[in-house]
Amino acid sequence: MISQLYRNRWSVELFFKWIKQHLKIKKFRSTSENAVRIQIYCAIITYCLVAIIQHDMKLGRGICEVLQILGISLTDKTHLRDLFDKSNFKNVKDFYDSSEPNLFNF
């Protein structure tokens, strides 16, 4: 029974490790269970939408890079296809310190 509990605990630890690495949640904003669930759901939905965009548009960029470009271009009204075809986003890290609001910087 103790080994089963430890195995379940380890699964929970791996789940939260994956969330922190992939969904960019550094800390949970509240201690209430409902607030934490909403934050996790929003992060998962965002991750899935970006993964769908990346897959459908056949982008040669990682999800993290796509999130950075979308965050930089949050107030830009450029079509997504044109946004990812721009040559000025070849090195996203140069533009990441811009003064525009960044939605995905948790």
N, C-alpha and C. Protein backbone atom coordinates (compact mmCIF):
# COMPACT_ATOMS: atom_id res chain seq x y z
N MET A 1 0.82 -1.18 0.00
CA MET A 1 0.00 0.00 0.00
C MET A 1 0.87 1.26 0.00
N ILE A 2 1.97 1.23 0.74
CA ILE A 2 2.87 2.39 0.78
C ILE A 2 3.50 2.63 -0.58
N SER A 3 3.90 1.58 -1.25
CA SER A 3 4.51 1.75 -2.57
C SER A 3 3.48 2.28 -3.59
N GLN A 4 2.24 1.86 -3.46
CA GLN A 4 1.18 2.37 -4.35
C GLN A 4 0.95 3.86 -4.11
N LEU A 5 0.93 4.29 -2.85
CA LEU A 5 0.78 5.71 -2.53
C LEU A 5 1.96 6.51 -3.08
N TYR A 6 3.16 5.97 -2.94
CA TYR A 6 4.34 6.67 -3.45
C TYR A 6 4.28 6.77 -4.97
N ARG A 7 3.85 5.72 -5.63
CA ARG A 7 3.73 5.73 -7.09
C ARG A 7 2.72 6.80 -7.53
N ASN A 8 1.60 6.89 -6.83
CA ASN A 8 0.60 7.92 -7.15
C ASN A 8 1.16 9.32 -6.90
N ARG A 9 1.90 9.48 -5.81
CA ARG A 9 2.50 10.78 -5.51
C ARG A 9 3.50 11.16 -6.60
N TRP A 10 4.27 10.20 -7.07
CA TRP A 10 5.25 10.46 -8.12
C TRP A 10 4.56 10.87 -9.42
N SER A 11 3.44 10.28 -9.73
CA SER A 11 2.67 10.67 -10.92
C SER A 11 2.20 12.12 -10.82
N VAL A 12 1.76 12.50 -9.64
CA VAL A 12 1.32 13.89 -9.43
C VAL A 12 2.52 14.83 -9.58
N GLU A 13 3.67 14.47 -9.02
CA GLU A 13 4.88 15.29 -9.14
C GLU A 13 5.28 15.46 -10.60
N LEU A 14 5.23 14.39 -11.37
CA LEU A 14 5.59 14.46 -12.80
C LEU A 14 4.60 15.33 -13.56
N PHE A 15 3.33 15.25 -13.21
CA PHE A 15 2.32 16.08 -13.85
C PHE A 15 2.60 17.56 -13.62
N PHE A 16 2.88 17.96 -12.38
CA PHE A 16 3.16 19.36 -12.09
C PHE A 16 4.49 19.81 -12.69
N LYS A 17 5.45 18.92 -12.77
CA LYS A 17 6.72 19.27 -13.43
C LYS A 17 6.47 19.57 -14.91
N TRP A 18 5.66 18.73 -15.56
CA TRP A 18 5.34 18.96 -16.97
C TRP A 18 4.60 20.28 -17.14
N ILE A 19 3.65 20.57 -16.26
CA ILE A 19 2.90 21.83 -16.34
C ILE A 19 3.84 23.02 -16.23
N LYS A 20 4.73 23.00 -15.26
CA LYS A 20 5.64 24.13 -15.06
C LYS A 20 6.59 24.30 -16.24
N GLN A 21 7.04 23.21 -16.84
CA GLN A 21 7.97 23.29 -17.97
C GLN A 21 7.29 23.72 -19.26
N HIS A 22 6.13 23.17 -19.55
CA HIS A 22 5.51 23.39 -20.85
C HIS A 22 4.47 24.50 -20.86
N LEU A 23 3.81 24.72 -19.77
CA LEU A 23 2.73 25.70 -19.75
C LEU A 23 3.16 27.03 -19.15
N LYS A 24 4.40 27.13 -18.74
CA LYS A 24 4.98 28.37 -18.23
C LYS A 24 4.24 28.92 -17.02
N ILE A 25 3.79 28.03 -16.16
CA ILE A 25 3.20 28.45 -14.89
C ILE A 25 4.31 28.36 -13.84
N LYS A 26 4.75 29.49 -13.35
CA LYS A 26 5.82 29.50 -12.36
C LYS A 26 5.28 29.27 -10.95
N LYS A 27 4.15 29.88 -10.65
CA LYS A 27 3.51 29.65 -9.36
C LYS A 27 2.01 29.82 -9.53
N PHE A 28 1.27 29.18 -8.63
CA PHE A 28 -0.18 29.28 -8.69
C PHE A 28 -0.62 30.54 -7.96
N ARG A 29 -1.54 31.27 -8.56
CA ARG A 29 -1.93 32.60 -8.09
C ARG A 29 -2.80 32.58 -6.84
N SER A 30 -3.40 31.47 -6.53
CA SER A 30 -4.31 31.41 -5.39
C SER A 30 -4.18 30.06 -4.71
N THR A 31 -4.72 29.98 -3.52
CA THR A 31 -4.69 28.70 -2.81
C THR A 31 -5.99 27.93 -2.95
N SER A 32 -7.01 28.56 -3.52
CA SER A 32 -8.28 27.84 -3.66
C SER A 32 -8.18 26.84 -4.82
N GLU A 33 -8.81 25.73 -4.62
CA GLU A 33 -8.76 24.65 -5.62
C GLU A 33 -9.34 25.10 -6.95
N ASN A 34 -10.44 25.83 -6.92
CA ASN A 34 -11.09 26.29 -8.15
C ASN A 34 -10.19 27.24 -8.93
N ALA A 35 -9.52 28.16 -8.24
CA ALA A 35 -8.64 29.12 -8.92
C ALA A 35 -7.45 28.41 -9.58
N VAL A 36 -6.91 27.42 -8.90
CA VAL A 36 -5.78 26.66 -9.47
C VAL A 36 -6.25 25.88 -10.69
N ARG A 37 -7.43 25.28 -10.62
CA ARG A 37 -7.97 24.56 -11.78
C ARG A 37 -8.17 25.48 -12.97
N ILE A 38 -8.73 26.67 -12.72
CA ILE A 38 -8.95 27.62 -13.81
C ILE A 38 -7.63 28.02 -14.44
N GLN A 39 -6.61 28.26 -13.61
CA GLN A 39 -5.30 28.64 -14.14
C GLN A 39 -4.70 27.50 -14.97
N ILE A 40 -4.82 26.28 -14.51
CA ILE A 40 -4.29 25.13 -15.26
C ILE A 40 -5.07 24.95 -16.56
N TYR A 41 -6.41 25.05 -16.51
CA TYR A 41 -7.22 24.91 -17.72
C TYR A 41 -6.86 25.97 -18.76
N CYS A 42 -6.70 27.21 -18.31
CA CYS A 42 -6.35 28.29 -19.24
C CYS A 42 -4.99 28.03 -19.89
N ALA A 43 -4.04 27.56 -19.10
CA ALA A 43 -2.71 27.27 -19.64
C ALA A 43 -2.76 26.10 -20.62
N ILE A 44 -3.52 25.07 -20.30
CA ILE A 44 -3.64 23.91 -21.20
C ILE A 44 -4.33 24.32 -22.50
N ILE A 45 -5.38 25.12 -22.41
CA ILE A 45 -6.10 25.58 -23.61
C ILE A 45 -5.17 26.41 -24.49
N THR A 46 -4.40 27.31 -23.87
CA THR A 46 -3.45 28.12 -24.62
C THR A 46 -2.41 27.24 -25.30
N TYR A 47 -1.87 26.29 -24.57
CA TYR A 47 -0.86 25.38 -25.13
C TYR A 47 -1.44 24.59 -26.31
N CYS A 48 -2.66 24.09 -26.15
CA CYS A 48 -3.29 23.31 -27.23
C CYS A 48 -3.56 24.17 -28.46
N LEU A 49 -4.05 25.40 -28.26
CA LEU A 49 -4.30 26.29 -29.40
C LEU A 49 -3.01 26.60 -30.16
N VAL A 50 -1.94 26.86 -29.43
CA VAL A 50 -0.66 27.15 -30.09
C VAL A 50 -0.15 25.89 -30.79
N ALA A 51 -0.32 24.72 -30.19
CA ALA A 51 0.09 23.48 -30.85
C ALA A 51 -0.71 23.24 -32.13
N ILE A 52 -1.99 23.56 -32.11
CA ILE A 52 -2.83 23.42 -33.31
C ILE A 52 -2.36 24.38 -34.39
N ILE A 53 -2.08 25.63 -34.00
CA ILE A 53 -1.57 26.61 -34.97
C ILE A 53 -0.26 26.13 -35.56
N GLN A 54 0.63 25.67 -34.70
CA GLN A 54 1.93 25.18 -35.17
C GLN A 54 1.76 24.00 -36.14
N HIS A 55 0.88 23.09 -35.83
CA HIS A 55 0.67 21.91 -36.68
C HIS A 55 0.00 22.28 -38.00
N ASP A 56 -1.09 23.06 -37.93
CA ASP A 56 -1.84 23.39 -39.14
C ASP A 56 -1.04 24.27 -40.11
N MET A 57 -0.23 25.18 -39.55
CA MET A 57 0.55 26.07 -40.40
C MET A 57 1.88 25.46 -40.81
N LYS A 58 2.19 24.26 -40.26
CA LYS A 58 3.44 23.56 -40.55
C LYS A 58 4.65 24.47 -40.33
N LEU A 59 4.67 25.08 -39.13
CA LEU A 59 5.75 25.99 -38.79
C LEU A 59 6.99 25.19 -38.41
N GLY A 60 8.12 25.68 -38.78
CA GLY A 60 9.38 25.03 -38.41
C GLY A 60 9.94 25.60 -37.12
N ARG A 61 9.08 26.00 -36.22
CA ARG A 61 9.48 26.60 -34.96
C ARG A 61 8.89 25.78 -33.81
N GLY A 62 9.53 25.86 -32.66
CA GLY A 62 9.03 25.19 -31.47
C GLY A 62 7.85 25.95 -30.88
N ILE A 63 7.10 25.28 -30.02
CA ILE A 63 5.94 25.91 -29.41
C ILE A 63 6.36 27.11 -28.56
N CYS A 64 7.48 26.99 -27.86
CA CYS A 64 7.95 28.10 -27.04
C CYS A 64 8.23 29.33 -27.91
N GLU A 65 8.85 29.13 -29.05
CA GLU A 65 9.15 30.24 -29.96
C GLU A 65 7.87 30.83 -30.55
N VAL A 66 6.92 29.98 -30.89
CA VAL A 66 5.63 30.47 -31.40
C VAL A 66 4.93 31.31 -30.34
N LEU A 67 4.96 30.85 -29.08
CA LEU A 67 4.38 31.63 -27.98
C LEU A 67 5.06 32.99 -27.84
N GLN A 68 6.38 33.02 -27.99
CA GLN A 68 7.11 34.28 -27.88
C GLN A 68 6.72 35.24 -29.00
N ILE A 69 6.62 34.73 -30.22
CA ILE A 69 6.23 35.59 -31.35
C ILE A 69 4.82 36.11 -31.16
N LEU A 70 3.91 35.25 -30.72
CA LEU A 70 2.54 35.70 -30.47
C LEU A 70 2.49 36.72 -29.34
N GLY A 71 3.31 36.52 -28.32
CA GLY A 71 3.36 37.47 -27.22
C GLY A 71 3.88 38.82 -27.64
N ILE A 72 4.89 38.83 -28.49
CA ILE A 72 5.46 40.08 -28.99
C ILE A 72 4.45 40.80 -29.88
N SER A 73 3.70 40.04 -30.65
CA SER A 73 2.78 40.61 -31.64
C SER A 73 1.34 40.68 -31.14
N LEU A 74 1.17 40.72 -29.85
CA LEU A 74 -0.16 40.67 -29.26
C LEU A 74 -1.07 41.79 -29.75
N THR A 75 -0.55 42.99 -29.91
CA THR A 75 -1.36 44.13 -30.34
C THR A 75 -1.29 44.36 -31.84
N ASP A 76 -0.56 43.52 -32.56
CA ASP A 76 -0.41 43.65 -34.00
C ASP A 76 -1.60 43.00 -34.70
N LYS A 77 -2.10 43.64 -35.75
CA LYS A 77 -3.26 43.09 -36.48
C LYS A 77 -2.85 42.33 -37.73
N THR A 78 -1.63 41.85 -37.76
CA THR A 78 -1.13 41.10 -38.91
C THR A 78 -1.73 39.70 -38.92
N HIS A 79 -2.06 39.20 -40.10
CA HIS A 79 -2.57 37.84 -40.26
C HIS A 79 -1.49 36.87 -39.79
N LEU A 80 -1.90 35.74 -39.20
CA LEU A 80 -0.93 34.78 -38.66
C LEU A 80 0.06 34.29 -39.70
N ARG A 81 -0.41 33.99 -40.89
CA ARG A 81 0.50 33.50 -41.94
C ARG A 81 1.58 34.53 -42.23
N ASP A 82 1.19 35.80 -42.34
CA ASP A 82 2.16 36.86 -42.60
C ASP A 82 3.08 37.08 -41.40
N LEU A 83 2.54 36.89 -40.21
CA LEU A 83 3.32 37.11 -39.01
C LEU A 83 4.49 36.14 -38.92
N PHE A 84 4.25 34.88 -39.23
CA PHE A 84 5.31 33.89 -39.13
C PHE A 84 6.20 33.84 -40.37
N ASP A 85 5.80 34.52 -41.45
CA ASP A 85 6.64 34.59 -42.64
C ASP A 85 7.59 35.78 -42.61
N LYS A 86 7.40 36.70 -41.67
CA LYS A 86 8.25 37.87 -41.59
C LYS A 86 9.69 37.46 -41.29
N SER A 87 10.61 38.05 -42.00
CA SER A 87 12.01 37.72 -41.77
C SER A 87 12.55 38.37 -40.51
N ASN A 88 11.87 39.40 -39.99
CA ASN A 88 12.39 40.06 -38.80
C ASN A 88 12.18 39.25 -37.52
N PHE A 89 11.52 38.10 -37.59
CA PHE A 89 11.37 37.25 -36.43
C PHE A 89 12.29 36.04 -36.49
N LYS A 90 13.35 36.13 -37.26
CA LYS A 90 14.27 35.00 -37.32
C LYS A 90 14.92 34.76 -35.96
N ASN A 91 15.27 35.83 -35.27
CA ASN A 91 15.83 35.69 -33.94
C ASN A 91 14.87 36.35 -32.95
N VAL A 92 14.01 35.56 -32.36
CA VAL A 92 12.96 36.07 -31.50
C VAL A 92 13.54 36.72 -30.25
N LYS A 93 14.65 36.25 -29.76
CA LYS A 93 15.21 36.77 -28.52
C LYS A 93 15.59 38.24 -28.66
N ASP A 94 15.89 38.73 -29.87
CA ASP A 94 16.20 40.14 -30.06
C ASP A 94 14.97 41.01 -29.83
N PHE A 95 13.80 40.47 -30.13
CA PHE A 95 12.56 41.24 -30.02
C PHE A 95 11.82 40.97 -28.71
N TYR A 96 12.29 40.03 -27.93
CA TYR A 96 11.56 39.61 -26.74
C TYR A 96 11.57 40.69 -25.65
N ASP A 97 12.52 41.60 -25.68
CA ASP A 97 12.59 42.66 -24.68
C ASP A 97 11.86 43.92 -25.13
N SER A 98 10.96 43.82 -26.08
CA SER A 98 10.26 45.00 -26.57
C SER A 98 9.31 45.54 -25.50
N SER A 99 8.83 46.75 -25.71
CA SER A 99 7.98 47.39 -24.72
C SER A 99 6.50 47.02 -24.89
N GLU A 100 6.17 46.22 -25.88
CA GLU A 100 4.78 45.82 -26.09
C GLU A 100 4.37 44.83 -25.01
N PRO A 101 3.08 44.78 -24.68
CA PRO A 101 2.63 43.82 -23.65
C PRO A 101 2.86 42.39 -24.10
N ASN A 102 3.17 41.53 -23.15
CA ASN A 102 3.45 40.14 -23.44
C ASN A 102 2.47 39.26 -22.67
N LEU A 103 1.53 38.67 -23.40
CA LEU A 103 0.49 37.85 -22.79
C LEU A 103 1.03 36.58 -22.16
N PHE A 104 2.08 36.00 -22.73
CA PHE A 104 2.51 34.67 -22.32
C PHE A 104 3.68 34.71 -21.35
N ASN A 105 4.01 35.82 -20.75
CA ASN A 105 5.08 35.89 -19.78
C ASN A 105 4.48 35.81 -18.40
N PHE A 106 4.38 34.57 -17.84
CA PHE A 106 3.72 34.37 -16.55
C PHE A 106 4.70 34.62 -15.44
